Amino acid sequence: MWTSAEGSATARLNELRRHFKVSLLVLVRRAVDFGYVDESLYRKIYITSQKSGSKKDEASGGNFYATLAVRNSRKLAKRVASLATSGNISLREAGQLLNTNPNNDVTAKQRALPA
């Protein structure tokens, strides 16, 4: 595959990375093992990947209400919220069905769901 890819070593690595669906770091390590690229390119890519991977000061996690519709089907979430607001099931049961905290506002759940 290396000989069939065209361009510079970096262009070949990027082409093969997309083909094999692996990270650039994994691919360049294997290329070094087989003697296709030198150790200096590996070190350069390794340092770059370490810098891009160390984003500790950014907050992790997402918006609960923005991802609610993705985690549960819209139809199920609307039905469970409807049952909970009408009193047919408890908020605790609704939370268990939707895998959410029952203390979350049910009306906020309904607002988060696309129409």
PDB file of N, CA and C in Angstrom:
ATOM      1  N   MET A   1       0.829  -1.197   0.000  1.00  0.00           N
ATOM      2  CA  MET A   1       0.000   0.000   0.000  1.00  0.00           C
ATOM      3  C   MET A   1       0.873   1.261   0.000  1.00  0.00           C
ATOM      4  N   TRP A   2       2.017   1.201   0.659  1.00  0.00           N
ATOM      5  CA  TRP A   2       2.883   2.374   0.732  1.00  0.00           C
ATOM      6  C   TRP A   2       3.335   2.787  -0.660  1.00  0.00           C
ATOM      7  N   THR A   3       3.719   1.830  -1.489  1.00  0.00           N
ATOM      8  CA  THR A   3       4.219   2.159  -2.825  1.00  0.00           C
ATOM      9  C   THR A   3       3.106   2.625  -3.751  1.00  0.00           C
ATOM     10  N   SER A   4       1.867   2.211  -3.504  1.00  0.00           N
ATOM     11  CA  SER A   4       0.774   2.650  -4.368  1.00  0.00           C
ATOM     12  C   SER A   4       0.288   4.051  -4.017  1.00  0.00           C
ATOM     13  N   ALA A   5       0.546   4.514  -2.782  1.00  0.00           N
ATOM     14  CA  ALA A   5       0.174   5.874  -2.388  1.00  0.00           C
ATOM     15  C   ALA A   5       1.134   6.865  -3.029  1.00  0.00           C
ATOM     16  N   GLU A   6       0.614   8.029  -3.368  1.00  0.00           N
ATOM     17  CA  GLU A   6       1.431   9.032  -4.057  1.00  0.00           C
ATOM     18  C   GLU A   6       1.746  10.207  -3.153  1.00  0.00           C
ATOM     19  N   GLY A   7       2.803  10.927  -3.508  1.00  0.00           N
ATOM     20  CA  GLY A   7       3.161  12.145  -2.806  1.00  0.00           C
ATOM     21  C   GLY A   7       4.265  11.951  -1.787  1.00  0.00           C
ATOM     22  N   SER A   8       4.407  12.973  -0.950  1.00  0.00           N
ATOM     23  CA  SER A   8       5.430  12.937   0.092  1.00  0.00           C
ATOM     24  C   SER A   8       5.047  11.920   1.162  1.00  0.00           C
ATOM     25  N   ALA A   9       5.947  11.720   2.101  1.00  0.00           N
ATOM     26  CA  ALA A   9       5.687  10.765   3.184  1.00  0.00           C
ATOM     27  C   ALA A   9       4.458  11.185   3.983  1.00  0.00           C
ATOM     28  N   THR A  10       4.316  12.480   4.239  1.00  0.00           N
ATOM     29  CA  THR A  10       3.166  12.972   4.998  1.00  0.00           C
ATOM     30  C   THR A  10       1.875  12.755   4.219  1.00  0.00           C
ATOM     31  N   ALA A  11       1.898  13.016   2.913  1.00  0.00           N
ATOM     32  CA  ALA A  11       0.710  12.800   2.084  1.00  0.00           C
ATOM     33  C   ALA A  11       0.349  11.321   2.039  1.00  0.00           C
ATOM     34  N   ARG A  12       1.352  10.465   1.938  1.00  0.00           N
ATOM     35  CA  ARG A  12       1.094   9.020   1.937  1.00  0.00           C
ATOM     36  C   ARG A  12       0.501   8.573   3.270  1.00  0.00           C
ATOM     37  N   LEU A  13       1.058   9.087   4.360  1.00  0.00           N
ATOM     38  CA  LEU A  13       0.552   8.732   5.684  1.00  0.00           C
ATOM     39  C   LEU A  13      -0.907   9.141   5.840  1.00  0.00           C
ATOM     40  N   ASN A  14      -1.239  10.340   5.396  1.00  0.00           N
ATOM     41  CA  ASN A  14      -2.626  10.797   5.507  1.00  0.00           C
ATOM     42  C   ASN A  14      -3.569   9.967   4.656  1.00  0.00           C
ATOM     43  N   GLU A  15      -3.131   9.591   3.460  1.00  0.00           N
ATOM     44  CA  GLU A  15      -3.955   8.754   2.590  1.00  0.00           C
ATOM     45  C   GLU A  15      -4.187   7.375   3.225  1.00  0.00           C
ATOM     46  N   LEU A  16      -3.122   6.790   3.742  1.00  0.00           N
ATOM     47  CA  LEU A  16      -3.238   5.466   4.362  1.00  0.00           C
ATOM     48  C   LEU A  16      -3.997   5.517   5.692  1.00  0.00           C
ATOM     49  N   ARG A  17      -3.884   6.631   6.384  1.00  0.00           N
ATOM     50  CA  ARG A  17      -4.621   6.803   7.641  1.00  0.00           C
ATOM     51  C   ARG A  17      -6.123   6.763   7.375  1.00  0.00           C
ATOM     52  N   ARG A  18      -6.550   7.435   6.324  1.00  0.00           N
ATOM     53  CA  ARG A  18      -7.970   7.406   5.969  1.00  0.00           C
ATOM     54  C   ARG A  18      -8.387   6.016   5.503  1.00  0.00           C
ATOM     55  N   HIS A  19      -7.505   5.343   4.767  1.00  0.00           N
ATOM     56  CA  HIS A  19      -7.829   4.008   4.261  1.00  0.00           C
ATOM     57  C   HIS A  19      -7.983   2.991   5.395  1.00  0.00           C
ATOM     58  N   PHE A  20      -7.042   2.974   6.319  1.00  0.00           N
ATOM     59  CA  PHE A  20      -7.063   1.993   7.403  1.00  0.00           C
ATOM     60  C   PHE A  20      -7.875   2.440   8.615  1.00  0.00           C
ATOM     61  N   LYS A  21      -8.298   3.719   8.619  1.00  0.00           N
ATOM     62  CA  LYS A  21      -9.091   4.281   9.717  1.00  0.00           C
ATOM     63  C   LYS A  21      -8.388   4.146  11.067  1.00  0.00           C
ATOM     64  N   VAL A  22      -7.143   4.564  11.091  1.00  0.00           N
ATOM     65  CA  VAL A  22      -6.364   4.587  12.325  1.00  0.00           C
ATOM     66  C   VAL A  22      -5.794   5.988  12.494  1.00  0.00           C
ATOM     67  N   SER A  23      -5.274   6.261  13.668  1.00  0.00           N
ATOM     68  CA  SER A  23      -4.687   7.574  13.906  1.00  0.00           C
ATOM     69  C   SER A  23      -3.369   7.714  13.144  1.00  0.00           C
ATOM     70  N   LEU A  24      -2.994   8.938  12.911  1.00  0.00           N
ATOM     71  CA  LEU A  24      -1.740   9.217  12.222  1.00  0.00           C
ATOM     72  C   LEU A  24      -0.555   8.694  13.025  1.00  0.00           C
ATOM     73  N   LEU A  25      -0.649   8.781  14.342  1.00  0.00           N
ATOM     74  CA  LEU A  25       0.436   8.313  15.202  1.00  0.00           C
ATOM     75  C   LEU A  25       0.638   6.804  15.072  1.00  0.00           C
ATOM     76  N   VAL A  26      -0.427   6.047  15.037  1.00  0.00           N
ATOM     77  CA  VAL A  26      -0.330   4.590  14.874  1.00  0.00           C
ATOM     78  C   VAL A  26       0.303   4.262  13.530  1.00  0.00           C
ATOM     79  N   LEU A  27      -0.159   4.956  12.500  1.00  0.00           N
ATOM     80  CA  LEU A  27       0.338   4.660  11.160  1.00  0.00           C
ATOM     81  C   LEU A  27       1.813   5.024  11.003  1.00  0.00           C
ATOM     82  N   VAL A  28       2.220   6.161  11.528  1.00  0.00           N
ATOM     83  CA  VAL A  28       3.629   6.555  11.393  1.00  0.00           C
ATOM     84  C   VAL A  28       4.520   5.619  12.205  1.00  0.00           C
ATOM     85  N   ARG A  29       4.021   5.105  13.335  1.00  0.00           N
ATOM     86  CA  ARG A  29       4.807   4.137  14.110  1.00  0.00           C
ATOM     87  C   ARG A  29       5.048   2.866  13.302  1.00  0.00           C
ATOM     88  N   ARG A  30       4.016   2.388  12.620  1.00  0.00           N
ATOM     89  CA  ARG A  30       4.160   1.200  11.783  1.00  0.00           C
ATOM     90  C   ARG A  30       5.065   1.489  10.583  1.00  0.00           C
ATOM     91  N   ALA A  31       4.983   2.686  10.033  1.00  0.00           N
ATOM     92  CA  ALA A  31       5.842   3.055   8.904  1.00  0.00           C
ATOM     93  C   ALA A  31       7.301   3.076   9.333  1.00  0.00           C
ATOM     94  N   VAL A  32       7.560   3.519  10.554  1.00  0.00           N
ATOM     95  CA  VAL A  32       8.928   3.493  11.083  1.00  0.00           C
ATOM     96  C   VAL A  32       9.381   2.047  11.259  1.00  0.00           C
ATOM     97  N   ASP A  33       8.505   1.204  11.789  1.00  0.00           N
ATOM     98  CA  ASP A  33       8.834  -0.206  11.993  1.00  0.00           C
ATOM     99  C   ASP A  33       9.224  -0.893  10.689  1.00  0.00           C
ATOM    100  N   PHE A  34       8.546  -0.540   9.601  1.00  0.00           N
ATOM    101  CA  PHE A  34       8.830  -1.157   8.303  1.00  0.00           C
ATOM    102  C   PHE A  34       9.901  -0.418   7.508  1.00  0.00           C
ATOM    103  N   GLY A  35      10.384   0.703   8.038  1.00  0.00           N
ATOM    104  CA  GLY A  35      11.466   1.426   7.394  1.00  0.00           C
ATOM    105  C   GLY A  35      11.038   2.389   6.291  1.00  0.00           C
ATOM    106  N   TYR A  36       9.751   2.747   6.243  1.00  0.00           N
ATOM    107  CA  TYR A  36       9.275   3.665   5.203  1.00  0.00           C
ATOM    108  C   TYR A  36       9.542   5.128   5.547  1.00  0.00           C
ATOM    109  N   VAL A  37       9.575   5.454   6.833  1.00  0.00           N
ATOM    110  CA  VAL A  37       9.884   6.821   7.266  1.00  0.00           C
ATOM    111  C   VAL A  37      10.924   6.761   8.375  1.00  0.00           C
ATOM    112  N   ASP A  38      11.577   7.882   8.612  1.00  0.00           N
ATOM    113  CA  ASP A  38      12.612   7.882   9.647  1.00  0.00           C
ATOM    114  C   ASP A  38      12.042   8.283  11.006  1.00  0.00           C
ATOM    115  N   GLU A  39      12.849   8.058  12.010  1.00  0.00           N
ATOM    116  CA  GLU A  39      12.451   8.286  13.399  1.00  0.00           C
ATOM    117  C   GLU A  39      12.137   9.755  13.677  1.00  0.00           C
ATOM    118  N   SER A  40      12.781  10.670  12.971  1.00  0.00           N
ATOM    119  CA  SER A  40      12.559  12.099  13.230  1.00  0.00           C
ATOM    120  C   SER A  40      11.124  12.507  12.869  1.00  0.00           C
ATOM    121  N   LEU A  41      10.568  11.959  11.792  1.00  0.00           N
ATOM    122  CA  LEU A  41       9.178  12.255  11.428  1.00  0.00           C
ATOM    123  C   LEU A  41       8.233  11.692  12.493  1.00  0.00           C
ATOM    124  N   TYR A  42       8.543  10.508  12.975  1.00  0.00           N
ATOM    125  CA  TYR A  42       7.735   9.917  14.040  1.00  0.00           C
ATOM    126  C   TYR A  42       7.740  10.810  15.277  1.00  0.00           C
ATOM    127  N   ARG A  43       8.922  11.271  15.692  1.00  0.00           N
ATOM    128  CA  ARG A  43       9.013  12.131  16.878  1.00  0.00           C
ATOM    129  C   ARG A  43       8.234  13.424  16.684  1.00  0.00           C
ATOM    130  N   LYS A  44       8.309  13.991  15.487  1.00  0.00           N
ATOM    131  CA  LYS A  44       7.589  15.239  15.185  1.00  0.00           C
ATOM    132  C   LYS A  44       6.075  15.022  15.306  1.00  0.00           C
ATOM    133  N   ILE A  45       5.573  13.939  14.733  1.00  0.00           N
ATOM    134  CA  ILE A  45       4.138  13.648  14.801  1.00  0.00           C
ATOM    135  C   ILE A  45       3.727  13.279  16.220  1.00  0.00           C
ATOM    136  N   TYR A  46       4.590  12.573  16.932  1.00  0.00           N
ATOM    137  CA  TYR A  46       4.308  12.204  18.317  1.00  0.00           C
ATOM    138  C   TYR A  46       4.151  13.447  19.190  1.00  0.00           C
ATOM    139  N   ILE A  47       5.064  14.383  19.065  1.00  0.00           N
ATOM    140  CA  ILE A  47       5.003  15.617  19.859  1.00  0.00           C
ATOM    141  C   ILE A  47       3.749  16.414  19.516  1.00  0.00           C
ATOM    142  N   THR A  48       3.421  16.484  18.234  1.00  0.00           N
ATOM    143  CA  THR A  48       2.216  17.199  17.804  1.00  0.00           C
ATOM    144  C   THR A  48       0.964  16.553  18.379  1.00  0.00           C
ATOM    145  N   SER A  49       0.913  15.232  18.366  1.00  0.00           N
ATOM    146  CA  SER A  49      -0.272  14.550  18.895  1.00  0.00           C
ATOM    147  C   SER A  49      -0.369  14.703  20.412  1.00  0.00           C
ATOM    148  N   GLN A  50       0.752  14.750  21.102  1.00  0.00           N
ATOM    149  CA  GLN A  50       0.740  14.947  22.549  1.00  0.00           C
ATOM    150  C   GLN A  50       0.219  16.337  22.897  1.00  0.00           C
ATOM    151  N   LYS A  51       0.633  17.327  22.129  1.00  0.00           N
ATOM    152  CA  LYS A  51       0.171  18.696  22.385  1.00  0.00           C
ATOM    153  C   LYS A  51      -1.318  18.825  22.131  1.00  0.00           C
ATOM    154  N   SER A  52      -1.809  18.215  21.059  1.00  0.00           N
ATOM    155  CA  SER A  52      -3.231  18.324  20.738  1.00  0.00           C
ATOM    156  C   SER A  52      -4.089  17.492  21.673  1.00  0.00           C
ATOM    157  N   GLY A  53      -3.521  16.486  22.301  1.00  0.00           N
ATOM    158  CA  GLY A  53      -4.267  15.630  23.207  1.00  0.00           C
ATOM    159  C   GLY A  53      -4.339  16.137  24.626  1.00  0.00           C
ATOM    160  N   SER A  54      -3.571  17.152  24.964  1.00  0.00           N
ATOM    161  CA  SER A  54      -3.547  17.651  26.347  1.00  0.00           C
ATOM    162  C   SER A  54      -4.378  18.916  26.478  1.00  0.00           C
ATOM    163  N   LYS A  55      -5.686  18.760  26.433  1.00  0.00           N
ATOM    164  CA  LYS A  55      -6.602  19.893  26.562  1.00  0.00           C
ATOM    165  C   LYS A  55      -7.308  19.794  27.903  1.00  0.00           C
ATOM    166  N   LYS A  56      -6.534  19.739  28.985  1.00  0.00           N
ATOM    167  CA  LYS A  56      -7.090  19.521  30.309  1.00  0.00           C
ATOM    168  C   LYS A  56      -7.848  20.728  30.834  1.00  0.00           C
ATOM    169  N   ASP A  57      -7.561  21.920  30.326  1.00  0.00           N
ATOM    170  CA  ASP A  57      -8.212  23.104  30.856  1.00  0.00           C
ATOM    171  C   ASP A  57      -9.596  23.317  30.257  1.00  0.00           C
ATOM    172  N   GLU A  58      -9.980  22.532  29.246  1.00  0.00           N
ATOM    173  CA  GLU A  58     -11.312  22.650  28.678  1.00  0.00           C
ATOM    174  C   GLU A  58     -12.282  21.823  29.503  1.00  0.00           C
ATOM    175  N   ALA A  59     -13.498  22.322  29.622  1.00  0.00           N
ATOM    176  CA  ALA A  59     -14.519  21.589  30.370  1.00  0.00           C
ATOM    177  C   ALA A  59     -14.971  20.377  29.570  1.00  0.00           C
ATOM    178  N   SER A  60     -15.203  19.290  30.277  1.00  0.00           N
ATOM    179  CA  SER A  60     -15.680  18.093  29.600  1.00  0.00           C
ATOM    180  C   SER A  60     -17.178  17.961  29.814  1.00  0.00           C
ATOM    181  N   GLY A  61     -17.799  17.113  29.023  1.00  0.00           N
ATOM    182  CA  GLY A  61     -19.224  16.896  29.149  1.00  0.00           C
ATOM    183  C   GLY A  61     -19.986  17.791  28.201  1.00  0.00           C
ATOM    184  N   GLY A  62     -21.247  17.566  28.120  1.00  0.00           N
ATOM    185  CA  GLY A  62     -22.081  18.339  27.209  1.00  0.00           C
ATOM    186  C   GLY A  62     -23.299  18.875  27.922  1.00  0.00           C
ATOM    187  N   ASN A  63     -24.138  19.515  27.151  1.00  0.00           N
ATOM    188  CA  ASN A  63     -25.368  20.082  27.656  1.00  0.00           C
ATOM    189  C   ASN A  63     -26.399  18.967  27.783  1.00  0.00           C
ATOM    190  N   PHE A  64     -26.914  18.759  28.987  1.00  0.00           N
ATOM    191  CA  PHE A  64     -27.870  17.682  29.241  1.00  0.00           C
ATOM    192  C   PHE A  64     -29.083  17.794  28.337  1.00  0.00           C
ATOM    193  N   TYR A  65     -29.671  18.974  28.259  1.00  0.00           N
ATOM    194  CA  TYR A  65     -30.901  19.143  27.500  1.00  0.00           C
ATOM    195  C   TYR A  65     -30.669  19.095  25.990  1.00  0.00           C
ATOM    196  N   ALA A  66     -29.478  19.475  25.543  1.00  0.00           N
ATOM    197  CA  ALA A  66     -29.182  19.434  24.106  1.00  0.00           C
ATOM    198  C   ALA A  66     -29.036  18.006  23.601  1.00  0.00           C
ATOM    199  N   THR A  67     -28.605  17.096  24.476  1.00  0.00           N
ATOM    200  CA  THR A  67     -28.396  15.707  24.044  1.00  0.00           C
ATOM    201  C   THR A  67     -29.539  14.776  24.439  1.00  0.00           C
ATOM    202  N   LEU A  68     -30.546  15.295  25.105  1.00  0.00           N
ATOM    203  CA  LEU A  68     -31.647  14.463  25.567  1.00  0.00           C
ATOM    204  C   LEU A  68     -32.362  13.771  24.411  1.00  0.00           C
ATOM    205  N   ALA A  69     -32.629  14.500  23.351  1.00  0.00           N
ATOM    206  CA  ALA A  69     -33.365  13.922  22.215  1.00  0.00           C
ATOM    207  C   ALA A  69     -32.565  12.841  21.512  1.00  0.00           C
ATOM    208  N   VAL A  70     -31.254  12.874  21.616  1.00  0.00           N
ATOM    209  CA  VAL A  70     -30.414  11.862  20.976  1.00  0.00           C
ATOM    210  C   VAL A  70     -30.393  10.584  21.812  1.00  0.00           C
ATOM    211  N   ARG A  71     -30.414  10.726  23.119  1.00  0.00           N
ATOM    212  CA  ARG A  71     -30.319   9.568  23.994  1.00  0.00           C
ATOM    213  C   ARG A  71     -31.610   8.752  24.046  1.00  0.00           C
ATOM    214  N   ASN A  72     -32.748   9.393  23.895  1.00  0.00           N
ATOM    215  CA  ASN A  72     -34.040   8.714  23.921  1.00  0.00           C
ATOM    216  C   ASN A  72     -34.796   9.076  22.648  1.00  0.00           C
ATOM    217  N   SER A  73     -35.627   8.169  22.168  1.00  0.00           N
ATOM    218  CA  SER A  73     -36.412   8.503  20.980  1.00  0.00           C
ATOM    219  C   SER A  73     -37.384   9.628  21.332  1.00  0.00           C
ATOM    220  N   ARG A  74     -37.681  10.441  20.374  1.00  0.00           N
ATOM    221  CA  ARG A  74     -38.554  11.590  20.587  1.00  0.00           C
ATOM    222  C   ARG A  74     -39.944  11.125  21.030  1.00  0.00           C
ATOM    223  N   LYS A  75     -40.442  10.085  20.379  1.00  0.00           N
ATOM    224  CA  LYS A  75     -41.778   9.580  20.685  1.00  0.00           C
ATOM    225  C   LYS A  75     -41.849   9.064  22.129  1.00  0.00           C
ATOM    226  N   LEU A  76     -40.856   8.287  22.540  1.00  0.00           N
ATOM    227  CA  LEU A  76     -40.829   7.763  23.902  1.00  0.00           C
ATOM    228  C   LEU A  76     -40.730   8.892  24.920  1.00  0.00           C
ATOM    229  N   ALA A  77     -39.833   9.831  24.688  1.00  0.00           N
ATOM    230  CA  ALA A  77     -39.631  10.921  25.646  1.00  0.00           C
ATOM    231  C   ALA A  77     -40.896  11.762  25.795  1.00  0.00           C
ATOM    232  N   LYS A  78     -41.578  12.041  24.689  1.00  0.00           N
ATOM    233  CA  LYS A  78     -42.812  12.827  24.762  1.00  0.00           C
ATOM    234  C   LYS A  78     -43.896  12.071  25.526  1.00  0.00           C
ATOM    235  N   ARG A  79     -44.000  10.783  25.266  1.00  0.00           N
ATOM    236  CA  ARG A  79     -45.025   9.981  25.932  1.00  0.00           C
ATOM    237  C   ARG A  79     -44.747   9.878  27.427  1.00  0.00           C
ATOM    238  N   VAL A  80     -43.524   9.611  27.788  1.00  0.00           N
ATOM    239  CA  VAL A  80     -43.159   9.497  29.206  1.00  0.00           C
ATOM    240  C   VAL A  80     -43.356  10.840  29.907  1.00  0.00           C
ATOM    241  N   ALA A  81     -42.964  11.933  29.282  1.00  0.00           N
ATOM    242  CA  ALA A  81     -43.145  13.259  29.883  1.00  0.00           C
ATOM    243  C   ALA A  81     -44.631  13.571  30.039  1.00  0.00           C
ATOM    244  N   SER A  82     -45.417  13.187  29.057  1.00  0.00           N
ATOM    245  CA  SER A  82     -46.863  13.399  29.131  1.00  0.00           C
ATOM    246  C   SER A  82     -47.469  12.612  30.282  1.00  0.00           C
ATOM    247  N   LEU A  83     -47.078  11.352  30.414  1.00  0.00           N
ATOM    248  CA  LEU A  83     -47.580  10.520  31.513  1.00  0.00           C
ATOM    249  C   LEU A  83     -47.155  11.072  32.871  1.00  0.00           C
ATOM    250  N   ALA A  84     -45.942  11.569  32.953  1.00  0.00           N
ATOM    251  CA  ALA A  84     -45.443  12.106  34.224  1.00  0.00           C
ATOM    252  C   ALA A  84     -46.158  13.406  34.597  1.00  0.00           C
ATOM    253  N   THR A  85     -46.395  14.273  33.643  1.00  0.00           N
ATOM    254  CA  THR A  85     -47.064  15.544  33.956  1.00  0.00           C
ATOM    255  C   THR A  85     -48.536  15.337  34.276  1.00  0.00           C
ATOM    256  N   SER A  86     -49.153  14.310  33.705  1.00  0.00           N
ATOM    257  CA  SER A  86     -50.563  14.035  34.003  1.00  0.00           C
ATOM    258  C   SER A  86     -50.720  13.242  35.300  1.00  0.00           C
ATOM    259  N   GLY A  87     -49.631  12.720  35.835  1.00  0.00           N
ATOM    260  CA  GLY A  87     -49.679  11.996  37.098  1.00  0.00           C
ATOM    261  C   GLY A  87     -49.903  10.500  36.948  1.00  0.00           C
ATOM    262  N   ASN A  88     -49.907  10.000  35.722  1.00  0.00           N
ATOM    263  CA  ASN A  88     -50.117   8.565  35.513  1.00  0.00           C
ATOM    264  C   ASN A  88     -48.907   7.735  35.946  1.00  0.00           C
ATOM    265  N   ILE A  89     -47.722   8.309  35.877  1.00  0.00           N
ATOM    266  CA  ILE A  89     -46.526   7.669  36.413  1.00  0.00           C
ATOM    267  C   ILE A  89     -45.781   8.704  37.238  1.00  0.00           C
ATOM    268  N   SER A  90     -44.981   8.234  38.161  1.00  0.00           N
ATOM    269  CA  SER A  90     -44.242   9.167  39.010  1.00  0.00           C
ATOM    270  C   SER A  90     -43.031   9.725  38.251  1.00  0.00           C
ATOM    271  N   LEU A  91     -42.540  10.832  38.753  1.00  0.00           N
ATOM    272  CA  LEU A  91     -41.339  11.411  38.146  1.00  0.00           C
ATOM    273  C   LEU A  91     -40.159  10.451  38.266  1.00  0.00           C
ATOM    274  N   ARG A  92     -40.122   9.690  39.341  1.00  0.00           N
ATOM    275  CA  ARG A  92     -39.053   8.693  39.524  1.00  0.00           C
ATOM    276  C   ARG A  92     -39.108   7.644  38.420  1.00  0.00           C
ATOM    277  N   GLU A  93     -40.326   7.143  38.137  1.00  0.00           N
ATOM    278  CA  GLU A  93     -40.481   6.154  37.070  1.00  0.00           C
ATOM    279  C   GLU A  93     -40.121   6.751  35.706  1.00  0.00           C
ATOM    280  N   ALA A  94     -40.517   7.995  35.492  1.00  0.00           N
ATOM    281  CA  ALA A  94     -40.189   8.669  34.226  1.00  0.00           C
ATOM    282  C   ALA A  94     -38.677   8.793  34.082  1.00  0.00           C
ATOM    283  N   GLY A  95     -38.015   9.145  35.160  1.00  0.00           N
ATOM    284  CA  GLY A  95     -36.560   9.258  35.128  1.00  0.00           C
ATOM    285  C   GLY A  95     -35.894   7.936  34.830  1.00  0.00           C
ATOM    286  N   GLN A  96     -36.420   6.856  35.399  1.00  0.00           N
ATOM    287  CA  GLN A  96     -35.854   5.535  35.140  1.00  0.00           C
ATOM    288  C   GLN A  96     -36.071   5.120  33.686  1.00  0.00           C
ATOM    289  N   LEU A  97     -37.261   5.400  33.149  1.00  0.00           N
ATOM    290  CA  LEU A  97     -37.556   5.038  31.764  1.00  0.00           C
ATOM    291  C   LEU A  97     -36.664   5.783  30.771  1.00  0.00           C
ATOM    292  N   LEU A  98     -36.388   7.048  31.091  1.00  0.00           N
ATOM    293  CA  LEU A  98     -35.588   7.877  30.178  1.00  0.00           C
ATOM    294  C   LEU A  98     -34.115   7.893  30.551  1.00  0.00           C
ATOM    295  N   ASN A  99     -33.755   7.157  31.604  1.00  0.00           N
ATOM    296  CA  ASN A  99     -32.377   7.111  32.071  1.00  0.00           C
ATOM    297  C   ASN A  99     -31.853   8.508  32.398  1.00  0.00           C
ATOM    298  N   THR A 100     -32.677   9.252  33.117  1.00  0.00           N
ATOM    299  CA  THR A 100     -32.316  10.604  33.542  1.00  0.00           C
ATOM    300  C   THR A 100     -32.585  10.732  35.031  1.00  0.00           C
ATOM    301  N   ASN A 101     -32.159  11.822  35.596  1.00  0.00           N
ATOM    302  CA  ASN A 101     -32.404  12.119  36.991  1.00  0.00           C
ATOM    303  C   ASN A 101     -33.865  12.544  37.137  1.00  0.00           C
ATOM    304  N   PRO A 102     -34.632  11.918  38.023  1.00  0.00           N
ATOM    305  CA  PRO A 102     -36.040  12.279  38.149  1.00  0.00           C
ATOM    306  C   PRO A 102     -36.260  13.690  38.678  1.00  0.00           C
ATOM    307  N   ASN A 103     -35.250  14.316  39.221  1.00  0.00           N
ATOM    308  CA  ASN A 103     -35.388  15.680  39.724  1.00  0.00           C
ATOM    309  C   ASN A 103     -35.303  16.730  38.625  1.00  0.00           C
ATOM    310  N   ASN A 104     -34.951  16.314  37.409  1.00  0.00           N
ATOM    311  CA  ASN A 104     -34.901  17.266  36.307  1.00  0.00           C
ATOM    312  C   ASN A 104     -36.315  17.714  35.969  1.00  0.00           C
ATOM    313  N   ASP A 105     -36.449  18.942  35.553  1.00  0.00           N
ATOM    314  CA  ASP A 105     -37.739  19.527  35.235  1.00  0.00           C
ATOM    315  C   ASP A 105     -38.331  18.857  33.993  1.00  0.00           C
ATOM    316  N   VAL A 106     -39.508  18.279  34.109  1.00  0.00           N
ATOM    317  CA  VAL A 106     -40.136  17.572  32.990  1.00  0.00           C
ATOM    318  C   VAL A 106     -40.481  18.544  31.876  1.00  0.00           C
ATOM    319  N   THR A 107     -40.894  19.755  32.216  1.00  0.00           N
ATOM    320  CA  THR A 107     -41.234  20.722  31.159  1.00  0.00           C
ATOM    321  C   THR A 107     -39.995  21.127  30.380  1.00  0.00           C
ATOM    322  N   ALA A 108     -38.843  21.143  31.041  1.00  0.00           N
ATOM    323  CA  ALA A 108     -37.589  21.437  30.325  1.00  0.00           C
ATOM    324  C   ALA A 108     -37.275  20.322  29.362  1.00  0.00           C
ATOM    325  N   LYS A 109     -37.579  19.080  29.730  1.00  0.00           N
ATOM    326  CA  LYS A 109     -37.374  17.955  28.818  1.00  0.00           C
ATOM    327  C   LYS A 109     -38.234  18.109  27.578  1.00  0.00           C
ATOM    328  N   GLN A 110     -39.474  18.539  27.794  1.00  0.00           N
ATOM    329  CA  GLN A 110     -40.373  18.714  26.654  1.00  0.00           C
ATOM    330  C   GLN A 110     -39.880  19.829  25.742  1.00  0.00           C
ATOM    331  N   ARG A 111     -39.343  20.909  26.317  1.00  0.00           N
ATOM    332  CA  ARG A 111     -38.822  22.019  25.502  1.00  0.00           C
ATOM    333  C   ARG A 111     -37.609  21.580  24.704  1.00  0.00           C
ATOM    334  N   ALA A 112     -36.824  20.633  25.232  1.00  0.00           N
ATOM    335  CA  ALA A 112     -35.602  20.192  24.558  1.00  0.00           C
ATOM    336  C   ALA A 112     -35.884  19.320  23.370  1.00  0.00           C
ATOM    337  N   LEU A 113     -37.071  18.740  23.320  1.00  0.00           N
ATOM    338  CA  LEU A 113     -37.400  17.842  22.225  1.00  0.00           C
ATOM    339  C   LEU A 113     -37.825  18.631  20.998  1.00  0.00           C
ATOM    340  N   PRO A 114     -37.291  18.285  19.813  1.00  0.00           N
ATOM    341  CA  PRO A 114     -37.712  18.961  18.596  1.00  0.00           C
ATOM    342  C   PRO A 114     -39.182  18.657  18.293  1.00  0.00           C
ATOM    343  N   ALA A 115     -39.842  19.593  17.723  1.00  0.00           N
ATOM    344  CA  ALA A 115     -41.267  19.420  17.397  1.00  0.00           C
ATOM    345  C   ALA A 115     -41.486  18.448  16.263  1.00  0.00           C
TER     346      ALA A 115
END
